[in-house]
Amino acid sequence: MGMDMNKLMQQVGQMQEQMQQAQDELAKETVEATAGGGMITVVANGAGEIKQIKIDPKAIDPNDPEMLEDMILAAVNEAVRSAQSLMESKLGGLAGGALGGLGLPGLGE
């Protein structure tokens, strides 16, 4: 095989830098999800971390805590899904393109 290891290592280094830069950008971006007609709002960053939960006081019914729990759970799950979608859109092409660009069998397919 006539593979140039120096070139390969340089490409790997560039890919790592691009991935780190994309991950840093994702941590700064946010997604928002709501439940209960907007009574619950959850904000997550592109890295999937929940950054904020807002609860409208009208959503707090002392006689039905399960409803509040369900709304929070629904909003958190939707925020996480949105964050994952954002992550895939940012990193998906980068990972596939960079790995495939290395010309190694089995990568980037």
PDB file of N, CA and C in Angstrom:
ATOM      1  N   MET A   1       0.836  -1.191   0.000  1.00  0.00           N
ATOM      2  CA  MET A   1       0.000   0.000   0.000  1.00  0.00           C
ATOM      3  C   MET A   1       0.872   1.242   0.000  1.00  0.00           C
ATOM      4  N   GLY A   2       0.539   2.161  -0.851  1.00  0.00           N
ATOM      5  CA  GLY A   2       1.324   3.369  -0.942  1.00  0.00           C
ATOM      6  C   GLY A   2       0.679   4.526  -0.191  1.00  0.00           C
ATOM      7  N   MET A   3       0.222   4.275   1.029  1.00  0.00           N
ATOM      8  CA  MET A   3      -0.450   5.316   1.809  1.00  0.00           C
ATOM      9  C   MET A   3       0.587   6.185   2.519  1.00  0.00           C
ATOM     10  N   ASP A   4       0.441   7.474   2.399  1.00  0.00           N
ATOM     11  CA  ASP A   4       1.348   8.424   3.039  1.00  0.00           C
ATOM     12  C   ASP A   4       0.853   8.674   4.463  1.00  0.00           C
ATOM     13  N   MET A   5       1.565   8.131   5.454  1.00  0.00           N
ATOM     14  CA  MET A   5       1.137   8.245   6.856  1.00  0.00           C
ATOM     15  C   MET A   5       1.141   9.689   7.351  1.00  0.00           C
ATOM     16  N   ASN A   6       2.108  10.484   6.882  1.00  0.00           N
ATOM     17  CA  ASN A   6       2.131  11.889   7.301  1.00  0.00           C
ATOM     18  C   ASN A   6       0.882  12.618   6.818  1.00  0.00           C
ATOM     19  N   LYS A   7       0.497  12.347   5.565  1.00  0.00           N
ATOM     20  CA  LYS A   7      -0.701  12.973   5.024  1.00  0.00           C
ATOM     21  C   LYS A   7      -1.933  12.500   5.782  1.00  0.00           C
ATOM     22  N   LEU A   8      -1.979  11.223   6.087  1.00  0.00           N
ATOM     23  CA  LEU A   8      -3.096  10.660   6.828  1.00  0.00           C
ATOM     24  C   LEU A   8      -3.202  11.304   8.210  1.00  0.00           C
ATOM     25  N   MET A   9      -2.095  11.435   8.914  1.00  0.00           N
ATOM     26  CA  MET A   9      -2.111  12.033  10.256  1.00  0.00           C
ATOM     27  C   MET A   9      -2.509  13.508  10.189  1.00  0.00           C
ATOM     28  N   GLN A  10      -2.077  14.197   9.145  1.00  0.00           N
ATOM     29  CA  GLN A  10      -2.462  15.599   8.974  1.00  0.00           C
ATOM     30  C   GLN A  10      -3.974  15.709   8.774  1.00  0.00           C
ATOM     31  N   GLN A  11      -4.541  14.803   7.956  1.00  0.00           N
ATOM     32  CA  GLN A  11      -5.983  14.813   7.727  1.00  0.00           C
ATOM     33  C   GLN A  11      -6.744  14.509   9.012  1.00  0.00           C
ATOM     34  N   VAL A  12      -6.244  13.567   9.807  1.00  0.00           N
ATOM     35  CA  VAL A  12      -6.886  13.234  11.076  1.00  0.00           C
ATOM     36  C   VAL A  12      -6.858  14.446  12.011  1.00  0.00           C
ATOM     37  N   GLY A  13      -5.738  15.126  12.069  1.00  0.00           N
ATOM     38  CA  GLY A  13      -5.622  16.318  12.906  1.00  0.00           C
ATOM     39  C   GLY A  13      -6.589  17.408  12.483  1.00  0.00           C
ATOM     40  N   GLN A  14      -6.717  17.618  11.174  1.00  0.00           N
ATOM     41  CA  GLN A  14      -7.655  18.622  10.676  1.00  0.00           C
ATOM     42  C   GLN A  14      -9.082  18.237  11.018  1.00  0.00           C
ATOM     43  N   MET A  15      -9.403  16.959  10.890  1.00  0.00           N
ATOM     44  CA  MET A  15     -10.748  16.490  11.199  1.00  0.00           C
ATOM     45  C   MET A  15     -11.056  16.714  12.677  1.00  0.00           C
ATOM     46  N   GLN A  16     -10.089  16.425  13.555  1.00  0.00           N
ATOM     47  CA  GLN A  16     -10.300  16.626  14.986  1.00  0.00           C
ATOM     48  C   GLN A  16     -10.538  18.096  15.300  1.00  0.00           C
ATOM     49  N   GLU A  17      -9.797  18.975  14.656  1.00  0.00           N
ATOM     50  CA  GLU A  17      -9.990  20.416  14.867  1.00  0.00           C
ATOM     51  C   GLU A  17     -11.380  20.851  14.404  1.00  0.00           C
ATOM     52  N   GLN A  18     -11.813  20.360  13.242  1.00  0.00           N
ATOM     53  CA  GLN A  18     -13.130  20.717  12.724  1.00  0.00           C
ATOM     54  C   GLN A  18     -14.239  20.203  13.644  1.00  0.00           C
ATOM     55  N   MET A  19     -14.091  18.978  14.132  1.00  0.00           N
ATOM     56  CA  MET A  19     -15.090  18.415  15.032  1.00  0.00           C
ATOM     57  C   MET A  19     -15.161  19.215  16.326  1.00  0.00           C
ATOM     58  N   GLN A  20     -14.022  19.587  16.886  1.00  0.00           N
ATOM     59  CA  GLN A  20     -14.003  20.359  18.126  1.00  0.00           C
ATOM     60  C   GLN A  20     -14.645  21.721  17.921  1.00  0.00           C
ATOM     61  N   GLN A  21     -14.352  22.348  16.795  1.00  0.00           N
ATOM     62  CA  GLN A  21     -14.941  23.655  16.493  1.00  0.00           C
ATOM     63  C   GLN A  21     -16.456  23.531  16.360  1.00  0.00           C
ATOM     64  N   ALA A  22     -16.925  22.493  15.678  1.00  0.00           N
ATOM     65  CA  ALA A  22     -18.364  22.282  15.519  1.00  0.00           C
ATOM     66  C   ALA A  22     -19.027  22.020  16.864  1.00  0.00           C
ATOM     67  N   GLN A  23     -18.375  21.240  17.736  1.00  0.00           N
ATOM     68  CA  GLN A  23     -18.931  20.961  19.057  1.00  0.00           C
ATOM     69  C   GLN A  23     -18.989  22.230  19.905  1.00  0.00           C
ATOM     70  N   ASP A  24     -17.973  23.075  19.805  1.00  0.00           N
ATOM     71  CA  ASP A  24     -17.977  24.344  20.535  1.00  0.00           C
ATOM     72  C   ASP A  24     -19.125  25.235  20.071  1.00  0.00           C
ATOM     73  N   GLU A  25     -19.361  25.259  18.748  1.00  0.00           N
ATOM     74  CA  GLU A  25     -20.460  26.055  18.204  1.00  0.00           C
ATOM     75  C   GLU A  25     -21.806  25.497  18.675  1.00  0.00           C
ATOM     76  N   LEU A  26     -21.934  24.177  18.713  1.00  0.00           N
ATOM     77  CA  LEU A  26     -23.185  23.555  19.161  1.00  0.00           C
ATOM     78  C   LEU A  26     -23.503  23.924  20.602  1.00  0.00           C
ATOM     79  N   ALA A  27     -22.486  23.984  21.438  1.00  0.00           N
ATOM     80  CA  ALA A  27     -22.707  24.307  22.847  1.00  0.00           C
ATOM     81  C   ALA A  27     -23.257  25.725  23.015  1.00  0.00           C
ATOM     82  N   LYS A  28     -23.045  26.584  22.016  1.00  0.00           N
ATOM     83  CA  LYS A  28     -23.524  27.967  22.084  1.00  0.00           C
ATOM     84  C   LYS A  28     -24.925  28.122  21.498  1.00  0.00           C
ATOM     85  N   GLU A  29     -25.350  27.182  20.659  1.00  0.00           N
ATOM     86  CA  GLU A  29     -26.672  27.269  20.047  1.00  0.00           C
ATOM     87  C   GLU A  29     -27.715  26.661  20.973  1.00  0.00           C
ATOM     88  N   THR A  30     -28.950  27.171  20.877  1.00  0.00           N
ATOM     89  CA  THR A  30     -30.007  26.640  21.729  1.00  0.00           C
ATOM     90  C   THR A  30     -31.217  26.233  20.902  1.00  0.00           C
ATOM     91  N   VAL A  31     -31.969  25.303  21.466  1.00  0.00           N
ATOM     92  CA  VAL A  31     -33.263  24.894  20.922  1.00  0.00           C
ATOM     93  C   VAL A  31     -34.271  25.038  22.046  1.00  0.00           C
ATOM     94  N   GLU A  32     -35.528  25.229  21.682  1.00  0.00           N
ATOM     95  CA  GLU A  32     -36.577  25.428  22.677  1.00  0.00           C
ATOM     96  C   GLU A  32     -37.745  24.515  22.358  1.00  0.00           C
ATOM     97  N   ALA A  33     -38.333  23.929  23.396  1.00  0.00           N
ATOM     98  CA  ALA A  33     -39.510  23.088  23.239  1.00  0.00           C
ATOM     99  C   ALA A  33     -40.534  23.483  24.283  1.00  0.00           C
ATOM    100  N   THR A  34     -41.812  23.342  23.917  1.00  0.00           N
ATOM    101  CA  THR A  34     -42.876  23.685  24.854  1.00  0.00           C
ATOM    102  C   THR A  34     -43.845  22.524  24.975  1.00  0.00           C
ATOM    103  N   ALA A  35     -44.614  22.549  26.049  1.00  0.00           N
ATOM    104  CA  ALA A  35     -45.674  21.560  26.273  1.00  0.00           C
ATOM    105  C   ALA A  35     -46.799  22.255  27.014  1.00  0.00           C
ATOM    106  N   GLY A  36     -47.961  21.615  26.990  1.00  0.00           N
ATOM    107  CA  GLY A  36     -49.100  22.176  27.713  1.00  0.00           C
ATOM    108  C   GLY A  36     -49.545  23.513  27.161  1.00  0.00           C
ATOM    109  N   GLY A  37     -49.511  23.636  25.837  1.00  0.00           N
ATOM    110  CA  GLY A  37     -49.939  24.906  25.247  1.00  0.00           C
ATOM    111  C   GLY A  37     -49.028  26.065  25.601  1.00  0.00           C
ATOM    112  N   GLY A  38     -47.759  25.782  25.833  1.00  0.00           N
ATOM    113  CA  GLY A  38     -46.794  26.829  26.152  1.00  0.00           C
ATOM    114  C   GLY A  38     -46.623  27.080  27.642  1.00  0.00           C
ATOM    115  N   MET A  39     -47.304  26.283  28.481  1.00  0.00           N
ATOM    116  CA  MET A  39     -47.161  26.489  29.931  1.00  0.00           C
ATOM    117  C   MET A  39     -45.806  26.012  30.439  1.00  0.00           C
ATOM    118  N   ILE A  40     -45.179  25.082  29.708  1.00  0.00           N
ATOM    119  CA  ILE A  40     -43.853  24.595  30.071  1.00  0.00           C
ATOM    120  C   ILE A  40     -42.928  24.871  28.891  1.00  0.00           C
ATOM    121  N   THR A  41     -41.783  25.488  29.152  1.00  0.00           N
ATOM    122  CA  THR A  41     -40.789  25.749  28.122  1.00  0.00           C
ATOM    123  C   THR A  41     -39.448  25.222  28.607  1.00  0.00           C
ATOM    124  N   VAL A  42     -38.786  24.462  27.743  1.00  0.00           N
ATOM    125  CA  VAL A  42     -37.465  23.921  28.062  1.00  0.00           C
ATOM    126  C   VAL A  42     -36.493  24.391  26.992  1.00  0.00           C
ATOM    127  N   VAL A  43     -35.353  24.906  27.443  1.00  0.00           N
ATOM    128  CA  VAL A  43     -34.299  25.355  26.542  1.00  0.00           C
ATOM    129  C   VAL A  43     -33.093  24.440  26.748  1.00  0.00           C
ATOM    130  N   ALA A  44     -32.575  23.921  25.624  1.00  0.00           N
ATOM    131  CA  ALA A  44     -31.380  23.062  25.664  1.00  0.00           C
ATOM    132  C   ALA A  44     -30.367  23.632  24.685  1.00  0.00           C
ATOM    133  N   ASN A  45     -29.102  23.300  24.901  1.00  0.00           N
ATOM    134  CA  ASN A  45     -28.102  23.722  23.918  1.00  0.00           C
ATOM    135  C   ASN A  45     -27.874  22.582  22.920  1.00  0.00           C
ATOM    136  N   GLY A  46     -27.113  22.867  21.891  1.00  0.00           N
ATOM    137  CA  GLY A  46     -26.860  21.886  20.844  1.00  0.00           C
ATOM    138  C   GLY A  46     -26.078  20.679  21.311  1.00  0.00           C
ATOM    139  N   ALA A  47     -25.493  20.764  22.491  1.00  0.00           N
ATOM    140  CA  ALA A  47     -24.778  19.616  23.057  1.00  0.00           C
ATOM    141  C   ALA A  47     -25.717  18.717  23.849  1.00  0.00           C
ATOM    142  N   GLY A  48     -26.993  19.102  23.931  1.00  0.00           N
ATOM    143  CA  GLY A  48     -27.977  18.282  24.623  1.00  0.00           C
ATOM    144  C   GLY A  48     -28.131  18.577  26.099  1.00  0.00           C
ATOM    145  N   GLU A  49     -27.525  19.655  26.567  1.00  0.00           N
ATOM    146  CA  GLU A  49     -27.655  20.029  27.977  1.00  0.00           C
ATOM    147  C   GLU A  49     -28.895  20.905  28.165  1.00  0.00           C
ATOM    148  N   ILE A  50     -29.703  20.577  29.168  1.00  0.00           N
ATOM    149  CA  ILE A  50     -30.859  21.396  29.498  1.00  0.00           C
ATOM    150  C   ILE A  50     -30.347  22.636  30.208  1.00  0.00           C
ATOM    151  N   LYS A  51     -30.683  23.801  29.661  1.00  0.00           N
ATOM    152  CA  LYS A  51     -30.168  25.051  30.200  1.00  0.00           C
ATOM    153  C   LYS A  51     -31.204  25.814  31.017  1.00  0.00           C
ATOM    154  N   GLN A  52     -32.493  25.600  30.711  1.00  0.00           N
ATOM    155  CA  GLN A  52     -33.518  26.374  31.411  1.00  0.00           C
ATOM    156  C   GLN A  52     -34.859  25.658  31.297  1.00  0.00           C
ATOM    157  N   ILE A  53     -35.640  25.725  32.375  1.00  0.00           N
ATOM    158  CA  ILE A  53     -37.011  25.242  32.373  1.00  0.00           C
ATOM    159  C   ILE A  53     -37.876  26.360  32.947  1.00  0.00           C
ATOM    160  N   LYS A  54     -38.887  26.748  32.183  1.00  0.00           N
ATOM    161  CA  LYS A  54     -39.829  27.782  32.630  1.00  0.00           C
ATOM    162  C   LYS A  54     -41.188  27.122  32.837  1.00  0.00           C
ATOM    163  N   ILE A  55     -41.811  27.416  33.979  1.00  0.00           N
ATOM    164  CA  ILE A  55     -43.125  26.855  34.297  1.00  0.00           C
ATOM    165  C   ILE A  55     -44.082  28.003  34.581  1.00  0.00           C
ATOM    166  N   ASP A  56     -45.129  28.079  33.780  1.00  0.00           N
ATOM    167  CA  ASP A  56     -46.174  29.084  34.004  1.00  0.00           C
ATOM    168  C   ASP A  56     -46.891  28.711  35.302  1.00  0.00           C
ATOM    169  N   PRO A  57     -47.104  29.657  36.214  1.00  0.00           N
ATOM    170  CA  PRO A  57     -47.783  29.353  37.478  1.00  0.00           C
ATOM    171  C   PRO A  57     -49.141  28.671  37.281  1.00  0.00           C
ATOM    172  N   LYS A  58     -49.808  28.933  36.154  1.00  0.00           N
ATOM    173  CA  LYS A  58     -51.097  28.291  35.888  1.00  0.00           C
ATOM    174  C   LYS A  58     -50.965  26.782  35.698  1.00  0.00           C
ATOM    175  N   ALA A  59     -49.748  26.320  35.400  1.00  0.00           N
ATOM    176  CA  ALA A  59     -49.530  24.890  35.183  1.00  0.00           C
ATOM    177  C   ALA A  59     -49.436  24.125  36.501  1.00  0.00           C
ATOM    178  N   ILE A  60     -49.321  24.841  37.606  1.00  0.00           N
ATOM    179  CA  ILE A  60     -49.131  24.195  38.911  1.00  0.00           C
ATOM    180  C   ILE A  60     -50.487  23.985  39.581  1.00  0.00           C
ATOM    181  N   ASP A  61     -50.931  22.752  39.511  1.00  0.00           N
ATOM    182  CA  ASP A  61     -52.193  22.373  40.160  1.00  0.00           C
ATOM    183  C   ASP A  61     -51.836  21.418  41.293  1.00  0.00           C
ATOM    184  N   PRO A  62     -51.966  21.871  42.558  1.00  0.00           N
ATOM    185  CA  PRO A  62     -51.571  21.015  43.680  1.00  0.00           C
ATOM    186  C   PRO A  62     -52.369  19.710  43.737  1.00  0.00           C
ATOM    187  N   ASN A  63     -53.517  19.677  43.092  1.00  0.00           N
ATOM    188  CA  ASN A  63     -54.328  18.461  43.096  1.00  0.00           C
ATOM    189  C   ASN A  63     -53.963  17.505  41.963  1.00  0.00           C
ATOM    190  N   ASP A  64     -53.076  17.943  41.036  1.00  0.00           N
ATOM    191  CA  ASP A  64     -52.718  17.097  39.899  1.00  0.00           C
ATOM    192  C   ASP A  64     -51.233  17.264  39.548  1.00  0.00           C
ATOM    193  N   PRO A  65     -50.338  16.864  40.473  1.00  0.00           N
ATOM    194  CA  PRO A  65     -48.902  17.020  40.185  1.00  0.00           C
ATOM    195  C   PRO A  65     -48.454  16.160  38.994  1.00  0.00           C
ATOM    196  N   GLU A  66     -49.169  15.058  38.726  1.00  0.00           N
ATOM    197  CA  GLU A  66     -48.788  14.178  37.613  1.00  0.00           C
ATOM    198  C   GLU A  66     -48.885  14.907  36.272  1.00  0.00           C
ATOM    199  N   MET A  67     -49.872  15.785  36.126  1.00  0.00           N
ATOM    200  CA  MET A  67     -50.014  16.524  34.876  1.00  0.00           C
ATOM    201  C   MET A  67     -48.790  17.416  34.652  1.00  0.00           C
ATOM    202  N   LEU A  68     -48.341  18.088  35.698  1.00  0.00           N
ATOM    203  CA  LEU A  68     -47.160  18.939  35.589  1.00  0.00           C
ATOM    204  C   LEU A  68     -45.938  18.093  35.255  1.00  0.00           C
ATOM    205  N   GLU A  69     -45.799  16.967  35.916  1.00  0.00           N
ATOM    206  CA  GLU A  69     -44.674  16.067  35.635  1.00  0.00           C
ATOM    207  C   GLU A  69     -44.677  15.631  34.174  1.00  0.00           C
ATOM    208  N   ASP A  70     -45.859  15.263  33.663  1.00  0.00           N
ATOM    209  CA  ASP A  70     -45.976  14.812  32.277  1.00  0.00           C
ATOM    210  C   ASP A  70     -45.612  15.926  31.295  1.00  0.00           C
ATOM    211  N   MET A  71     -46.055  17.148  31.570  1.00  0.00           N
ATOM    212  CA  MET A  71     -45.747  18.268  30.675  1.00  0.00           C
ATOM    213  C   MET A  71     -44.250  18.566  30.670  1.00  0.00           C
ATOM    214  N   ILE A  72     -43.636  18.523  31.853  1.00  0.00           N
ATOM    215  CA  ILE A  72     -42.193  18.776  31.928  1.00  0.00           C
ATOM    216  C   ILE A  72     -41.438  17.686  31.176  1.00  0.00           C
ATOM    217  N   LEU A  73     -41.825  16.454  31.391  1.00  0.00           N
ATOM    218  CA  LEU A  73     -41.176  15.332  30.713  1.00  0.00           C
ATOM    219  C   LEU A  73     -41.309  15.463  29.197  1.00  0.00           C
ATOM    220  N   ALA A  74     -42.505  15.804  28.724  1.00  0.00           N
ATOM    221  CA  ALA A  74     -42.726  15.960  27.284  1.00  0.00           C
ATOM    222  C   ALA A  74     -41.851  17.069  26.710  1.00  0.00           C
ATOM    223  N   ALA A  75     -41.780  18.199  27.402  1.00  0.00           N
ATOM    224  CA  ALA A  75     -40.979  19.325  26.912  1.00  0.00           C
ATOM    225  C   ALA A  75     -39.489  19.003  26.932  1.00  0.00           C
ATOM    226  N   VAL A  76     -39.023  18.340  27.983  1.00  0.00           N
ATOM    227  CA  VAL A  76     -37.602  17.963  28.067  1.00  0.00           C
ATOM    228  C   VAL A  76     -37.254  16.990  26.943  1.00  0.00           C
ATOM    229  N   ASN A  77     -38.099  15.982  26.738  1.00  0.00           N
ATOM    230  CA  ASN A  77     -37.825  15.008  25.677  1.00  0.00           C
ATOM    231  C   ASN A  77     -37.793  15.672  24.305  1.00  0.00           C
ATOM    232  N   GLU A  78     -38.704  16.590  24.063  1.00  0.00           N
ATOM    233  CA  GLU A  78     -38.717  17.287  22.775  1.00  0.00           C
ATOM    234  C   GLU A  78     -37.482  18.167  22.615  1.00  0.00           C
ATOM    235  N   ALA A  79     -37.053  18.828  23.681  1.00  0.00           N
ATOM    236  CA  ALA A  79     -35.843  19.656  23.618  1.00  0.00           C
ATOM    237  C   ALA A  79     -34.620  18.797  23.332  1.00  0.00           C
ATOM    238  N   VAL A  80     -34.541  17.635  23.959  1.00  0.00           N
ATOM    239  CA  VAL A  80     -33.408  16.728  23.719  1.00  0.00           C
ATOM    240  C   VAL A  80     -33.417  16.238  22.275  1.00  0.00           C
ATOM    241  N   ARG A  81     -34.605  15.884  21.759  1.00  0.00           N
ATOM    242  CA  ARG A  81     -34.701  15.451  20.359  1.00  0.00           C
ATOM    243  C   ARG A  81     -34.268  16.575  19.415  1.00  0.00           C
ATOM    244  N   SER A  82     -34.697  17.780  19.696  1.00  0.00           N
ATOM    245  CA  SER A  82     -34.306  18.920  18.859  1.00  0.00           C
ATOM    246  C   SER A  82     -32.802  19.157  18.919  1.00  0.00           C
ATOM    247  N   ALA A  83     -32.227  19.024  20.098  1.00  0.00           N
ATOM    248  CA  ALA A  83     -30.773  19.196  20.246  1.00  0.00           C
ATOM    249  C   ALA A  83     -30.027  18.115  19.471  1.00  0.00           C
ATOM    250  N   GLN A  84     -30.523  16.876  19.532  1.00  0.00           N
ATOM    251  CA  GLN A  84     -29.881  15.788  18.783  1.00  0.00           C
ATOM    252  C   GLN A  84     -29.981  16.025  17.284  1.00  0.00           C
ATOM    253  N   SER A  85     -31.112  16.514  16.837  1.00  0.00           N
ATOM    254  CA  SER A  85     -31.293  16.809  15.420  1.00  0.00           C
ATOM    255  C   SER A  85     -30.329  17.911  14.969  1.00  0.00           C
ATOM    256  N   LEU A  86     -30.189  18.932  15.797  1.00  0.00           N
ATOM    257  CA  LEU A  86     -29.254  20.014  15.502  1.00  0.00           C
ATOM    258  C   LEU A  86     -27.826  19.471  15.442  1.00  0.00           C
ATOM    259  N   MET A  87     -27.491  18.623  16.396  1.00  0.00           N
ATOM    260  CA  MET A  87     -26.156  18.032  16.440  1.00  0.00           C
ATOM    261  C   MET A  87     -25.887  17.203  15.187  1.00  0.00           C
ATOM    262  N   GLU A  88     -26.859  16.387  14.790  1.00  0.00           N
ATOM    263  CA  GLU A  88     -26.682  15.563  13.598  1.00  0.00           C
ATOM    264  C   GLU A  88     -26.532  16.420  12.351  1.00  0.00           C
ATOM    265  N   SER A  89     -27.277  17.511  12.276  1.00  0.00           N
ATOM    266  CA  SER A  89     -27.177  18.364  11.096  1.00  0.00           C
ATOM    267  C   SER A  89     -25.816  19.056  11.037  1.00  0.00           C
ATOM    268  N   LYS A  90     -25.259  19.384  12.197  1.00  0.00           N
ATOM    269  CA  LYS A  90     -23.950  20.063  12.227  1.00  0.00           C
ATOM    270  C   LYS A  90     -22.785  19.090  12.073  1.00  0.00           C
ATOM    271  N   LEU A  91     -22.877  17.954  12.770  1.00  0.00           N
ATOM    272  CA  LEU A  91     -21.740  17.035  12.799  1.00  0.00           C
ATOM    273  C   LEU A  91     -21.855  15.900  11.789  1.00  0.00           C
ATOM    274  N   GLY A  92     -23.059  15.573  11.370  1.00  0.00           N
ATOM    275  CA  GLY A  92     -23.265  14.440  10.474  1.00  0.00           C
ATOM    276  C   GLY A  92     -22.468  14.545   9.196  1.00  0.00           C
ATOM    277  N   GLY A  93     -22.603  15.632   8.503  1.00  0.00           N
ATOM    278  CA  GLY A  93     -21.871  15.815   7.254  1.00  0.00           C
ATOM    279  C   GLY A  93     -20.373  15.913   7.485  1.00  0.00           C
ATOM    280  N   LEU A  94     -20.005  16.545   8.572  1.00  0.00           N
ATOM    281  CA  LEU A  94     -18.583  16.706   8.880  1.00  0.00           C
ATOM    282  C   LEU A  94     -17.933  15.359   9.128  1.00  0.00           C
ATOM    283  N   ALA A  95     -18.557  14.530   9.940  1.00  0.00           N
ATOM    284  CA  ALA A  95     -17.982  13.223  10.262  1.00  0.00           C
ATOM    285  C   ALA A  95     -17.938  12.339   9.027  1.00  0.00           C
ATOM    286  N   GLY A  96     -19.036  12.266   8.298  1.00  0.00           N
ATOM    287  CA  GLY A  96     -19.078  11.424   7.109  1.00  0.00           C
ATOM    288  C   GLY A  96     -18.114  11.900   6.046  1.00  0.00           C
ATOM    289  N   GLY A  97     -18.109  13.200   5.806  1.00  0.00           N
ATOM    290  CA  GLY A  97     -17.230  13.743   4.782  1.00  0.00           C
ATOM    291  C   GLY A  97     -15.774  13.625   5.152  1.00  0.00           C
ATOM    292  N   ALA A  98     -15.448  13.922   6.402  1.00  0.00           N
ATOM    293  CA  ALA A  98     -14.047  13.873   6.817  1.00  0.00           C
ATOM    294  C   ALA A  98     -13.532  12.445   6.845  1.00  0.00           C
ATOM    295  N   LEU A  99     -14.332  11.537   7.384  1.00  0.00           N
ATOM    296  CA  LEU A  99     -13.883  10.152   7.456  1.00  0.00           C
ATOM    297  C   LEU A  99     -13.774   9.545   6.074  1.00  0.00           C
ATOM    298  N   GLY A 100     -14.766   9.820   5.238  1.00  0.00           N
ATOM    299  CA  GLY A 100     -14.725   9.304   3.875  1.00  0.00           C
ATOM    300  C   GLY A 100     -13.557   9.888   3.107  1.00  0.00           C
ATOM    301  N   GLY A 101     -13.201  11.127   3.420  1.00  0.00           N
ATOM    302  CA  GLY A 101     -12.098  11.803   2.732  1.00  0.00           C
ATOM    303  C   GLY A 101     -10.746  11.206   3.050  1.00  0.00           C
ATOM    304  N   LEU A 102     -10.661  10.423   4.098  1.00  0.00           N
ATOM    305  CA  LEU A 102      -9.386   9.789   4.436  1.00  0.00           C
ATOM    306  C   LEU A 102      -9.075   8.623   3.512  1.00  0.00           C
ATOM    307  N   GLY A 103     -10.097   8.133   2.827  1.00  0.00           N
ATOM    308  CA  GLY A 103      -9.889   7.039   1.887  1.00  0.00           C
ATOM    309  C   GLY A 103      -9.668   5.707   2.563  1.00  0.00           C
ATOM    310  N   LEU A 104     -10.114   5.561   3.807  1.00  0.00           N
ATOM    311  CA  LEU A 104      -9.939   4.295   4.497  1.00  0.00           C
ATOM    312  C   LEU A 104     -11.171   3.432   4.293  1.00  0.00           C
ATOM    313  N   PRO A 105     -10.984   2.167   3.996  1.00  0.00           N
ATOM    314  CA  PRO A 105     -12.136   1.296   3.786  1.00  0.00           C
ATOM    315  C   PRO A 105     -12.984   1.198   5.041  1.00  0.00           C
ATOM    316  N   GLY A 106     -14.311   1.249   4.879  1.00  0.00           N
ATOM    317  CA  GLY A 106     -15.220   1.078   5.997  1.00  0.00           C
ATOM    318  C   GLY A 106     -15.548   2.355   6.731  1.00  0.00           C
ATOM    319  N   LEU A 107     -14.890   3.453   6.430  1.00  0.00           N
ATOM    320  CA  LEU A 107     -15.173   4.717   7.091  1.00  0.00           C
ATOM    321  C   LEU A 107     -15.920   5.642   6.154  1.00  0.00           C
ATOM    322  N   GLY A 108     -16.888   6.323   6.703  1.00  0.00           N
ATOM    323  CA  GLY A 108     -17.614   7.312   5.920  1.00  0.00           C
ATOM    324  C   GLY A 108     -18.627   6.723   4.976  1.00  0.00           C
ATOM    325  N   GLU A 109     -18.983   5.463   5.145  1.00  0.00           N
ATOM    326  CA  GLU A 109     -19.957   4.838   4.250  1.00  0.00           C
ATOM    327  C   GLU A 109     -21.335   4.940   4.815  1.00  0.00           C
TER     328      GLU A 109
END
